[in-house]
PDB file of N, CA and C in Angstrom:
ATOM      1  N   MET A   1       7.325   4.255 -10.216  1.00  0.00           N
ATOM      2  CA  MET A   1       7.625   3.315  -9.237  1.00  0.00           C
ATOM      3  C   MET A   1       8.326   2.138  -9.924  1.00  0.00           C
ATOM      4  N   THR A   2       9.181   1.693  -9.348  1.00  0.00           N
ATOM      5  CA  THR A   2       9.686   0.449 -10.065  1.00  0.00           C
ATOM      6  C   THR A   2       8.961  -0.667  -9.547  1.00  0.00           C
ATOM      7  N   GLN A   3       9.365  -1.933 -10.368  1.00  0.00           N
ATOM      8  CA  GLN A   3       8.547  -3.135 -10.058  1.00  0.00           C
ATOM      9  C   GLN A   3       8.980  -3.574  -8.749  1.00  0.00           C
ATOM     10  N   ALA A   4      10.248  -3.673  -8.433  1.00  0.00           N
ATOM     11  CA  ALA A   4      10.472  -4.142  -7.192  1.00  0.00           C
ATOM     12  C   ALA A   4       9.939  -3.581  -5.793  1.00  0.00           C
ATOM     13  N   ARG A   5       9.676  -2.148  -6.084  1.00  0.00           N
ATOM     14  CA  ARG A   5       9.105  -1.457  -5.002  1.00  0.00           C
ATOM     15  C   ARG A   5       7.711  -1.769  -4.938  1.00  0.00           C
ATOM     16  N   ARG A   6       7.204  -1.952  -6.142  1.00  0.00           N
ATOM     17  CA  ARG A   6       5.797  -2.323  -6.081  1.00  0.00           C
ATOM     18  C   ARG A   6       5.409  -3.633  -5.432  1.00  0.00           C
ATOM     19  N   LEU A   7       6.481  -4.583  -5.977  1.00  0.00           N
ATOM     20  CA  LEU A   7       6.069  -5.914  -5.171  1.00  0.00           C
ATOM     21  C   LEU A   7       6.357  -5.820  -3.672  1.00  0.00           C
ATOM     22  N   LEU A   8       7.388  -5.374  -3.200  1.00  0.00           N
ATOM     23  CA  LEU A   8       7.841  -5.163  -1.827  1.00  0.00           C
ATOM     24  C   LEU A   8       6.676  -4.673  -0.938  1.00  0.00           C
ATOM     25  N   ARG A   9       5.815  -3.806  -1.491  1.00  0.00           N
ATOM     26  CA  ARG A   9       4.638  -3.405  -0.927  1.00  0.00           C
ATOM     27  C   ARG A   9       3.877  -4.355  -0.466  1.00  0.00           C
ATOM     28  N   LEU A  10       3.813  -5.605  -1.027  1.00  0.00           N
ATOM     29  CA  LEU A  10       2.904  -6.540  -0.865  1.00  0.00           C
ATOM     30  C   LEU A  10       3.281  -7.297   0.565  1.00  0.00           C
ATOM     31  N   THR A  11       4.501  -7.058   0.954  1.00  0.00           N
ATOM     32  CA  THR A  11       4.722  -7.619   2.326  1.00  0.00           C
ATOM     33  C   THR A  11       4.205  -7.061   3.505  1.00  0.00           C
ATOM     34  N   LEU A  12       3.604  -5.708   3.288  1.00  0.00           N
ATOM     35  CA  LEU A  12       3.029  -5.111   4.351  1.00  0.00           C
ATOM     36  C   LEU A  12       1.682  -5.366   4.304  1.00  0.00           C
ATOM     37  N   LEU A  13       0.973  -6.299   3.609  1.00  0.00           N
ATOM     38  CA  LEU A  13      -0.436  -6.709   3.623  1.00  0.00           C
ATOM     39  C   LEU A  13      -0.770  -7.317   4.875  1.00  0.00           C
ATOM     40  N   ALA A  14      -2.017  -7.246   5.241  1.00  0.00           N
ATOM     41  CA  ALA A  14      -2.682  -8.099   6.263  1.00  0.00           C
ATOM     42  C   ALA A  14      -3.009  -9.543   5.774  1.00  0.00           C
ATOM     43  N   GLN A  15      -2.556 -10.269   6.625  1.00  0.00           N
ATOM     44  CA  GLN A  15      -3.038 -11.710   6.344  1.00  0.00           C
ATOM     45  C   GLN A  15      -4.209 -11.915   5.930  1.00  0.00           C
ATOM     46  N   ALA A  16      -5.231 -11.278   6.114  1.00  0.00           N
ATOM     47  CA  ALA A  16      -6.740 -11.500   5.804  1.00  0.00           C
ATOM     48  C   ALA A  16      -6.842 -11.087   4.078  1.00  0.00           C
ATOM     49  N   VAL A  17      -6.204  -9.928   3.991  1.00  0.00           N
ATOM     50  CA  VAL A  17      -6.028  -9.564   2.552  1.00  0.00           C
ATOM     51  C   VAL A  17      -5.350 -10.459   1.560  1.00  0.00           C
ATOM     52  N   ILE A  18      -4.285 -10.929   2.144  1.00  0.00           N
ATOM     53  CA  ILE A  18      -3.581 -12.061   1.223  1.00  0.00           C
ATOM     54  C   ILE A  18      -4.414 -13.285   1.159  1.00  0.00           C
ATOM     55  N   GLU A  19      -5.040 -13.454   2.298  1.00  0.00           N
ATOM     56  CA  GLU A  19      -5.916 -14.793   2.016  1.00  0.00           C
ATOM     57  C   GLU A  19      -6.993 -14.721   1.108  1.00  0.00           C
ATOM     58  N   LYS A  20      -7.718 -13.442   1.041  1.00  0.00           N
ATOM     59  CA  LYS A  20      -8.514 -12.910  -0.003  1.00  0.00           C
ATOM     60  C   LYS A  20      -8.031 -13.056  -1.454  1.00  0.00           C
ATOM     61  N   LEU A  21      -6.934 -12.493  -1.516  1.00  0.00           N
ATOM     62  CA  LEU A  21      -6.276 -12.503  -2.880  1.00  0.00           C
ATOM     63  C   LEU A  21      -5.869 -13.929  -3.225  1.00  0.00           C
ATOM     64  N   LEU A  22      -5.474 -14.848  -2.400  1.00  0.00           N
ATOM     65  CA  LEU A  22      -5.395 -16.328  -3.011  1.00  0.00           C
ATOM     66  C   LEU A  22      -6.364 -17.088  -3.037  1.00  0.00           C
ATOM     67  N   ALA A  23      -7.486 -16.871  -2.225  1.00  0.00           N
ATOM     68  CA  ALA A  23      -8.537 -17.952  -2.172  1.00  0.00           C
ATOM     69  C   ALA A  23      -9.672 -17.887  -3.063  1.00  0.00           C
ATOM     70  N   ASP A  24     -10.134 -16.463  -3.225  1.00  0.00           N
ATOM     71  CA  ASP A  24     -11.436 -15.973  -4.173  1.00  0.00           C
ATOM     72  C   ASP A  24     -10.714 -15.550  -5.379  1.00  0.00           C
ATOM     73  N   THR A  25     -11.000 -16.320  -6.581  1.00  0.00           N
ATOM     74  CA  THR A  25     -10.631 -15.797  -7.908  1.00  0.00           C
ATOM     75  C   THR A  25     -11.629 -15.077  -8.436  1.00  0.00           C
ATOM     76  N   ASP A  26     -12.818 -15.150  -8.092  1.00  0.00           N
ATOM     77  CA  ASP A  26     -14.052 -14.194  -8.625  1.00  0.00           C
ATOM     78  C   ASP A  26     -14.414 -13.038  -8.048  1.00  0.00           C
ATOM     79  N   ALA A  27     -13.447 -12.684  -6.991  1.00  0.00           N
ATOM     80  CA  ALA A  27     -13.534 -11.519  -6.005  1.00  0.00           C
ATOM     81  C   ALA A  27     -13.082 -10.440  -6.671  1.00  0.00           C
ATOM     82  N   LEU A  28     -13.892  -9.199  -6.259  1.00  0.00           N
ATOM     83  CA  LEU A  28     -13.448  -8.001  -6.732  1.00  0.00           C
ATOM     84  C   LEU A  28     -11.937  -7.338  -6.441  1.00  0.00           C
ATOM     85  N   ILE A  29     -11.545  -8.165  -5.395  1.00  0.00           N
ATOM     86  CA  ILE A  29     -10.135  -7.670  -5.076  1.00  0.00           C
ATOM     87  C   ILE A  29      -9.186  -8.697  -5.731  1.00  0.00           C
ATOM     88  N   ASN A  30      -8.239  -7.916  -6.590  1.00  0.00           N
ATOM     89  CA  ASN A  30      -7.212  -8.851  -7.164  1.00  0.00           C
ATOM     90  C   ASN A  30      -5.926  -8.200  -7.049  1.00  0.00           C
ATOM     91  N   LEU A  31      -4.860  -8.835  -7.418  1.00  0.00           N
ATOM     92  CA  LEU A  31      -3.732  -8.075  -7.383  1.00  0.00           C
ATOM     93  C   LEU A  31      -3.317  -6.886  -7.875  1.00  0.00           C
ATOM     94  N   GLU A  32      -3.736  -6.620  -9.182  1.00  0.00           N
ATOM     95  CA  GLU A  32      -3.725  -5.285  -9.593  1.00  0.00           C
ATOM     96  C   GLU A  32      -4.362  -4.166  -8.914  1.00  0.00           C
ATOM     97  N   SER A  33      -5.544  -4.454  -8.627  1.00  0.00           N
ATOM     98  CA  SER A  33      -6.151  -3.510  -7.558  1.00  0.00           C
ATOM     99  C   SER A  33      -5.379  -3.121  -6.416  1.00  0.00           C
ATOM    100  N   VAL A  34      -4.801  -4.235  -5.897  1.00  0.00           N
ATOM    101  CA  VAL A  34      -3.797  -4.056  -4.690  1.00  0.00           C
ATOM    102  C   VAL A  34      -2.683  -2.984  -4.911  1.00  0.00           C
ATOM    103  N   LEU A  35      -2.124  -3.508  -5.852  1.00  0.00           N
ATOM    104  CA  LEU A  35      -0.860  -2.548  -6.380  1.00  0.00           C
ATOM    105  C   LEU A  35      -1.175  -1.236  -6.721  1.00  0.00           C
ATOM    106  N   ARG A  36      -2.256  -1.143  -7.074  1.00  0.00           N
ATOM    107  CA  ARG A  36      -2.394   0.332  -7.748  1.00  0.00           C
ATOM    108  C   ARG A  36      -3.038   1.291  -6.531  1.00  0.00           C
ATOM    109  N   ARG A  37      -3.420   0.685  -5.527  1.00  0.00           N
ATOM    110  CA  ARG A  37      -3.948   1.596  -4.267  1.00  0.00           C
ATOM    111  C   ARG A  37      -2.893   1.845  -3.260  1.00  0.00           C
ATOM    112  N   VAL A  38      -2.805   3.020  -2.751  1.00  0.00           N
ATOM    113  CA  VAL A  38      -2.256   3.463  -1.691  1.00  0.00           C
ATOM    114  C   VAL A  38      -2.724   2.866  -0.341  1.00  0.00           C
ATOM    115  N   MET A  39      -2.019   1.841   0.121  1.00  0.00           N
ATOM    116  CA  MET A  39      -2.716   1.108   1.187  1.00  0.00           C
ATOM    117  C   MET A  39      -2.094   1.429   2.725  1.00  0.00           C
ATOM    118  N   PRO A  40      -3.218   1.698   3.596  1.00  0.00           N
ATOM    119  CA  PRO A  40      -2.825   2.047   4.739  1.00  0.00           C
ATOM    120  C   PRO A  40      -1.813   0.879   5.204  1.00  0.00           C
ATOM    121  N   LEU A  41      -1.169   1.471   6.446  1.00  0.00           N
ATOM    122  CA  LEU A  41       0.004   0.330   7.218  1.00  0.00           C
ATOM    123  C   LEU A  41      -0.770  -0.447   8.223  1.00  0.00           C
ATOM    124  N   ASP A  42      -1.949   0.262   8.682  1.00  0.00           N
ATOM    125  CA  ASP A  42      -2.550  -0.558   9.884  1.00  0.00           C
ATOM    126  C   ASP A  42      -3.422  -1.726   8.943  1.00  0.00           C
ATOM    127  N   TRP A  43      -3.201  -2.913   9.788  1.00  0.00           N
ATOM    128  CA  TRP A  43      -3.977  -4.095   9.033  1.00  0.00           C
ATOM    129  C   TRP A  43      -5.613  -4.017   9.068  1.00  0.00           C
ATOM    130  N   GLN A  44      -5.988  -3.531  10.236  1.00  0.00           N
ATOM    131  CA  GLN A  44      -7.360  -3.252  10.382  1.00  0.00           C
ATOM    132  C   GLN A  44      -8.096  -2.414   9.156  1.00  0.00           C
ATOM    133  N   ALA A  45      -7.292  -1.230   9.216  1.00  0.00           N
ATOM    134  CA  ALA A  45      -7.677  -0.309   7.898  1.00  0.00           C
ATOM    135  C   ALA A  45      -7.791  -0.828   6.366  1.00  0.00           C
ATOM    136  N   GLN A  46      -6.635  -1.766   6.431  1.00  0.00           N
ATOM    137  CA  GLN A  46      -6.465  -2.481   5.159  1.00  0.00           C
ATOM    138  C   GLN A  46      -7.957  -3.424   4.965  1.00  0.00           C
ATOM    139  N   GLU A  47      -8.188  -4.192   5.756  1.00  0.00           N
ATOM    140  CA  GLU A  47      -9.320  -4.881   5.810  1.00  0.00           C
ATOM    141  C   GLU A  47     -10.408  -4.179   5.601  1.00  0.00           C
ATOM    142  N   ALA A  48     -10.545  -3.140   5.975  1.00  0.00           N
ATOM    143  CA  ALA A  48     -11.705  -2.224   6.113  1.00  0.00           C
ATOM    144  C   ALA A  48     -11.759  -1.606   4.491  1.00  0.00           C
ATOM    145  N   VAL A  49     -10.736  -1.302   3.868  1.00  0.00           N
ATOM    146  CA  VAL A  49     -10.624  -0.955   2.602  1.00  0.00           C
ATOM    147  C   VAL A  49     -11.169  -1.900   1.613  1.00  0.00           C
ATOM    148  N   PHE A  50     -10.887  -3.253   2.050  1.00  0.00           N
ATOM    149  CA  PHE A  50     -11.372  -4.245   0.952  1.00  0.00           C
ATOM    150  C   PHE A  50     -12.808  -4.942   1.475  1.00  0.00           C
ATOM    151  N   ALA A  51     -13.156  -4.522   2.600  1.00  0.00           N
ATOM    152  CA  ALA A  51     -14.547  -5.078   2.937  1.00  0.00           C
ATOM    153  C   ALA A  51     -15.747  -3.850   2.526  1.00  0.00           C
ATOM    154  N   GLY A  52     -15.201  -2.815   1.943  1.00  0.00           N
ATOM    155  CA  GLY A  52     -16.056  -1.725   1.438  1.00  0.00           C
ATOM    156  C   GLY A  52     -16.450  -0.804   2.326  1.00  0.00           C
ATOM    157  N   ARG A  53     -15.783  -0.848   3.721  1.00  0.00           N
ATOM    158  CA  ARG A  53     -16.224  -0.144   4.852  1.00  0.00           C
ATOM    159  C   ARG A  53     -15.849   1.429   4.633  1.00  0.00           C
TER     160      ARG A  53
END
């Protein structure tokens, strides 16, 4: 996958996921883990993925 395609996927992230990425530097969630995952398009499902549910 090209770098541009990987970065464009970030535009589909839920606002809550983006806020976690930006706000909590000690969190288990980080940019690389987000880019490596196949994320659901549904925002509630994305939040559930990173909430560990």
